[in-house]
Amino acid sequence: MKVAYLDGASKGNPGPASIGIICYVDETEKEILFQVSEKIGHATNNIAEWTSLLRLVEELVRRNILESKVYMDSELVVKQFKGEYKTKNTELQKIKEQVLNLKKDLENLQLIHVKREKNKVADKLANEAFK
């Protein structure tokens, strides 16, 4: 099973925004399959977080990776994704809908909340995009 860590960042909230993703070949987290560090324009932090999830799911589908464990430090996004919290913002609803539609092509996507200190690599990738 592939393992990925995601993060979104916004300088100003809203402001210049970026995403960071690292995906490992397996749960040993020794070999990197791919990583993303890119600007996404002007956005809120929540939009950046959701965009990181969308970008990952797009990449999983493109690479035909059917099973993955995905970790992110945004408890809000994890709970919105799982339906535990409502997604009221229309822009976030659109991104969530895209994620859920793409997720149908995957067999097993586990989205798990982790503390910020467990998500340092994705955070670093998101922040490097600003440089």
C-alpha atoms as a PDB file:
ATOM      1  CA  MET A   1       0.000   0.000   0.000  1.00  0.00           C
ATOM      2  CA  LYS A   2       1.289   3.438  -0.950  1.00  0.00           C
ATOM      3  CA  VAL A   3       1.668   6.081   1.773  1.00  0.00           C
ATOM      4  CA  ALA A   4       1.288   9.807   1.162  1.00  0.00           C
ATOM      5  CA  TYR A   5       1.539  12.988   3.215  1.00  0.00           C
ATOM      6  CA  LEU A   6      -0.175  16.213   2.129  1.00  0.00           C
ATOM      7  CA  ASP A   7      -0.172  19.847   3.108  1.00  0.00           C
ATOM      8  CA  GLY A   8      -1.526  23.123   1.835  1.00  0.00           C
ATOM      9  CA  ALA A   9      -0.248  26.574   2.756  1.00  0.00           C
ATOM     10  CA  SER A  10      -1.492  30.108   2.348  1.00  0.00           C
ATOM     11  CA  LYS A  11       0.442  33.254   3.159  1.00  0.00           C
ATOM     12  CA  GLY A  12      -2.214  35.707   4.283  1.00  0.00           C
ATOM     13  CA  ASN A  13      -5.303  33.468   4.267  1.00  0.00           C
ATOM     14  CA  PRO A  14      -6.321  34.280   1.609  1.00  0.00           C
ATOM     15  CA  GLY A  15      -3.075  34.957  -0.126  1.00  0.00           C
ATOM     16  CA  PRO A  16      -0.436  33.257  -2.243  1.00  0.00           C
ATOM     17  CA  ALA A  17      -0.987  29.533  -1.785  1.00  0.00           C
ATOM     18  CA  SER A  18       0.865  26.283  -2.409  1.00  0.00           C
ATOM     19  CA  ILE A  19       0.690  22.542  -1.885  1.00  0.00           C
ATOM     20  CA  GLY A  20       3.147  19.866  -0.858  1.00  0.00           C
ATOM     21  CA  ILE A  21       2.764  16.130  -1.418  1.00  0.00           C
ATOM     22  CA  ILE A  22       5.100  13.225  -0.835  1.00  0.00           C
ATOM     23  CA  CYS A  23       4.118   9.691  -1.798  1.00  0.00           C
ATOM     24  CA  TYR A  24       6.149   6.665  -0.789  1.00  0.00           C
ATOM     25  CA  VAL A  25       6.300   3.269  -2.485  1.00  0.00           C
ATOM     26  CA  ASP A  26       5.220   1.493   0.702  1.00  0.00           C
ATOM     27  CA  GLU A  27       4.746   1.850   4.439  1.00  0.00           C
ATOM     28  CA  THR A  28       8.478   1.695   5.189  1.00  0.00           C
ATOM     29  CA  GLU A  29       8.614   5.269   3.789  1.00  0.00           C
ATOM     30  CA  LYS A  30      12.138   4.662   2.495  1.00  0.00           C
ATOM     31  CA  GLU A  31      11.564   5.062  -1.247  1.00  0.00           C
ATOM     32  CA  ILE A  32       9.790   8.091  -2.702  1.00  0.00           C
ATOM     33  CA  LEU A  33       7.401   7.352  -5.560  1.00  0.00           C
ATOM     34  CA  PHE A  34       6.700  11.020  -6.326  1.00  0.00           C
ATOM     35  CA  GLN A  35       6.508  14.417  -4.728  1.00  0.00           C
ATOM     36  CA  VAL A  36       4.833  17.736  -5.528  1.00  0.00           C
ATOM     37  CA  SER A  37       5.792  21.248  -4.493  1.00  0.00           C
ATOM     38  CA  GLU A  38       3.791  23.837  -6.405  1.00  0.00           C
ATOM     39  CA  LYS A  39       2.082  27.184  -6.219  1.00  0.00           C
ATOM     40  CA  ILE A  40      -1.671  27.142  -6.763  1.00  0.00           C
ATOM     41  CA  GLY A  41      -2.343  30.875  -6.999  1.00  0.00           C
ATOM     42  CA  HIS A  42      -4.344  32.981  -4.532  1.00  0.00           C
ATOM     43  CA  ALA A  43      -6.376  30.916  -2.032  1.00  0.00           C
ATOM     44  CA  THR A  44      -7.329  30.343   1.586  1.00  0.00           C
ATOM     45  CA  ASN A  45      -5.523  27.752   3.664  1.00  0.00           C
ATOM     46  CA  ASN A  46      -8.546  25.406   3.518  1.00  0.00           C
ATOM     47  CA  ILE A  47      -8.653  25.620  -0.269  1.00  0.00           C
ATOM     48  CA  ALA A  48      -4.922  24.858  -0.359  1.00  0.00           C
ATOM     49  CA  GLU A  49      -5.429  21.831   1.912  1.00  0.00           C
ATOM     50  CA  TRP A  50      -8.308  20.517  -0.221  1.00  0.00           C
ATOM     51  CA  THR A  51      -6.322  21.199  -3.397  1.00  0.00           C
ATOM     52  CA  SER A  52      -3.448  19.081  -2.082  1.00  0.00           C
ATOM     53  CA  LEU A  53      -5.899  16.199  -1.608  1.00  0.00           C
ATOM     54  CA  LEU A  54      -7.364  16.706  -5.087  1.00  0.00           C
ATOM     55  CA  ARG A  55      -3.921  16.821  -6.675  1.00  0.00           C
ATOM     56  CA  LEU A  56      -2.918  13.615  -4.893  1.00  0.00           C
ATOM     57  CA  VAL A  57      -6.083  11.752  -5.904  1.00  0.00           C
ATOM     58  CA  GLU A  58      -5.602  12.885  -9.516  1.00  0.00           C
ATOM     59  CA  GLU A  59      -2.062  11.509  -9.426  1.00  0.00           C
ATOM     60  CA  LEU A  60      -3.173   8.216  -7.834  1.00  0.00           C
ATOM     61  CA  VAL A  61      -5.785   7.720 -10.552  1.00  0.00           C
ATOM     62  CA  ARG A  62      -3.326   8.705 -13.300  1.00  0.00           C
ATOM     63  CA  ARG A  63      -0.778   6.189 -12.006  1.00  0.00           C
ATOM     64  CA  ASN A  64      -3.442   3.518 -11.372  1.00  0.00           C
ATOM     65  CA  ILE A  65      -2.535   3.324  -7.677  1.00  0.00           C
ATOM     66  CA  LEU A  66      -5.631   1.743  -6.174  1.00  0.00           C
ATOM     67  CA  GLU A  67      -4.721   1.546  -2.478  1.00  0.00           C
ATOM     68  CA  SER A  68      -3.184   4.226  -0.301  1.00  0.00           C
ATOM     69  CA  LYS A  69      -2.946   5.608   3.189  1.00  0.00           C
ATOM     70  CA  VAL A  70      -3.008   9.381   3.140  1.00  0.00           C
ATOM     71  CA  TYR A  71      -1.973  11.543   6.067  1.00  0.00           C
ATOM     72  CA  MET A  72      -2.625  15.246   6.537  1.00  0.00           C
ATOM     73  CA  ASP A  73      -2.557  17.635   9.462  1.00  0.00           C
ATOM     74  CA  SER A  74      -5.810  19.386   8.548  1.00  0.00           C
ATOM     75  CA  GLU A  75      -8.337  17.791  10.874  1.00  0.00           C
ATOM     76  CA  LEU A  76     -11.030  19.930   9.236  1.00  0.00           C
ATOM     77  CA  VAL A  77     -10.404  18.512   5.756  1.00  0.00           C
ATOM     78  CA  VAL A  78     -10.212  14.940   7.056  1.00  0.00           C
ATOM     79  CA  LYS A  79     -13.540  15.326   8.875  1.00  0.00           C
ATOM     80  CA  GLN A  80     -15.164  17.090   5.907  1.00  0.00           C
ATOM     81  CA  PHE A  81     -13.934  14.337   3.578  1.00  0.00           C
ATOM     82  CA  LYS A  82     -15.392  11.665   5.844  1.00  0.00           C
ATOM     83  CA  GLY A  83     -18.691  13.538   6.181  1.00  0.00           C
ATOM     84  CA  GLU A  84     -18.253  14.182   9.909  1.00  0.00           C
ATOM     85  CA  TYR A  85     -18.289  17.945   9.284  1.00  0.00           C
ATOM     86  CA  LYS A  86     -20.321  19.784   6.680  1.00  0.00           C
ATOM     87  CA  THR A  87     -18.537  21.523   3.830  1.00  0.00           C
ATOM     88  CA  LYS A  88     -20.386  24.826   3.558  1.00  0.00           C
ATOM     89  CA  ASN A  89     -18.059  26.941   1.392  1.00  0.00           C
ATOM     90  CA  THR A  90     -19.094  26.588  -2.271  1.00  0.00           C
ATOM     91  CA  GLU A  91     -15.519  26.585  -3.564  1.00  0.00           C
ATOM     92  CA  LEU A  92     -14.581  23.832  -1.109  1.00  0.00           C
ATOM     93  CA  GLN A  93     -17.714  21.893  -2.076  1.00  0.00           C
ATOM     94  CA  LYS A  94     -16.590  21.932  -5.719  1.00  0.00           C
ATOM     95  CA  ILE A  95     -13.134  20.602  -4.835  1.00  0.00           C
ATOM     96  CA  LYS A  96     -14.616  17.975  -2.524  1.00  0.00           C
ATOM     97  CA  GLU A  97     -16.982  16.828  -5.277  1.00  0.00           C
ATOM     98  CA  GLN A  98     -14.035  16.427  -7.667  1.00  0.00           C
ATOM     99  CA  VAL A  99     -12.123  14.425  -5.047  1.00  0.00           C
ATOM    100  CA  LEU A 100     -15.084  12.130  -4.346  1.00  0.00           C
ATOM    101  CA  ASN A 101     -15.740  11.563  -8.060  1.00  0.00           C
ATOM    102  CA  LEU A 102     -12.105  10.615  -8.682  1.00  0.00           C
ATOM    103  CA  LYS A 103     -12.031   8.476  -5.532  1.00  0.00           C
ATOM    104  CA  LYS A 104     -14.582   6.164  -7.170  1.00  0.00           C
ATOM    105  CA  ASP A 105     -11.754   4.902  -9.397  1.00  0.00           C
ATOM    106  CA  LEU A 106      -9.749   3.820  -6.336  1.00  0.00           C
ATOM    107  CA  GLU A 107     -10.310   0.693  -4.263  1.00  0.00           C
ATOM    108  CA  ASN A 108      -9.054   1.934  -0.902  1.00  0.00           C
ATOM    109  CA  LEU A 109      -8.157   5.488   0.079  1.00  0.00           C
ATOM    110  CA  GLN A 110      -7.681   5.941   3.812  1.00  0.00           C
ATOM    111  CA  LEU A 111      -7.467   9.584   4.888  1.00  0.00           C
ATOM    112  CA  ILE A 112      -5.952   9.950   8.353  1.00  0.00           C
ATOM    113  CA  HIS A 113      -5.339  13.022  10.497  1.00  0.00           C
ATOM    114  CA  VAL A 114      -1.846  13.401  11.972  1.00  0.00           C
ATOM    115  CA  LYS A 115      -0.296  16.041  14.175  1.00  0.00           C
ATOM    116  CA  ARG A 116       1.685  18.756  12.395  1.00  0.00           C
ATOM    117  CA  GLU A 117       5.032  17.393  13.589  1.00  0.00           C
ATOM    118  CA  LYS A 118       4.309  14.109  11.756  1.00  0.00           C
ATOM    119  CA  ASN A 119       3.751  16.024   8.505  1.00  0.00           C
ATOM    120  CA  LYS A 120       7.030  17.933   8.233  1.00  0.00           C
ATOM    121  CA  VAL A 121       8.076  16.769   4.756  1.00  0.00           C
ATOM    122  CA  ALA A 122       4.801  17.783   3.078  1.00  0.00           C
ATOM    123  CA  ASP A 123       4.853  21.070   4.997  1.00  0.00           C
ATOM    124  CA  LYS A 124       8.400  21.725   3.794  1.00  0.00           C
ATOM    125  CA  LEU A 125       7.412  20.954   0.185  1.00  0.00           C
ATOM    126  CA  ALA A 126       4.442  23.333   0.403  1.00  0.00           C
ATOM    127  CA  ASN A 127       6.634  26.100   1.783  1.00  0.00           C
ATOM    128  CA  GLU A 128       9.441  25.489  -0.726  1.00  0.00           C
ATOM    129  CA  ALA A 129       6.984  26.319  -3.524  1.00  0.00           C
ATOM    130  CA  PHE A 130       6.967  29.935  -2.307  1.00  0.00           C
ATOM    131  CA  LYS A 131      10.717  30.312  -2.944  1.00  0.00           C
END
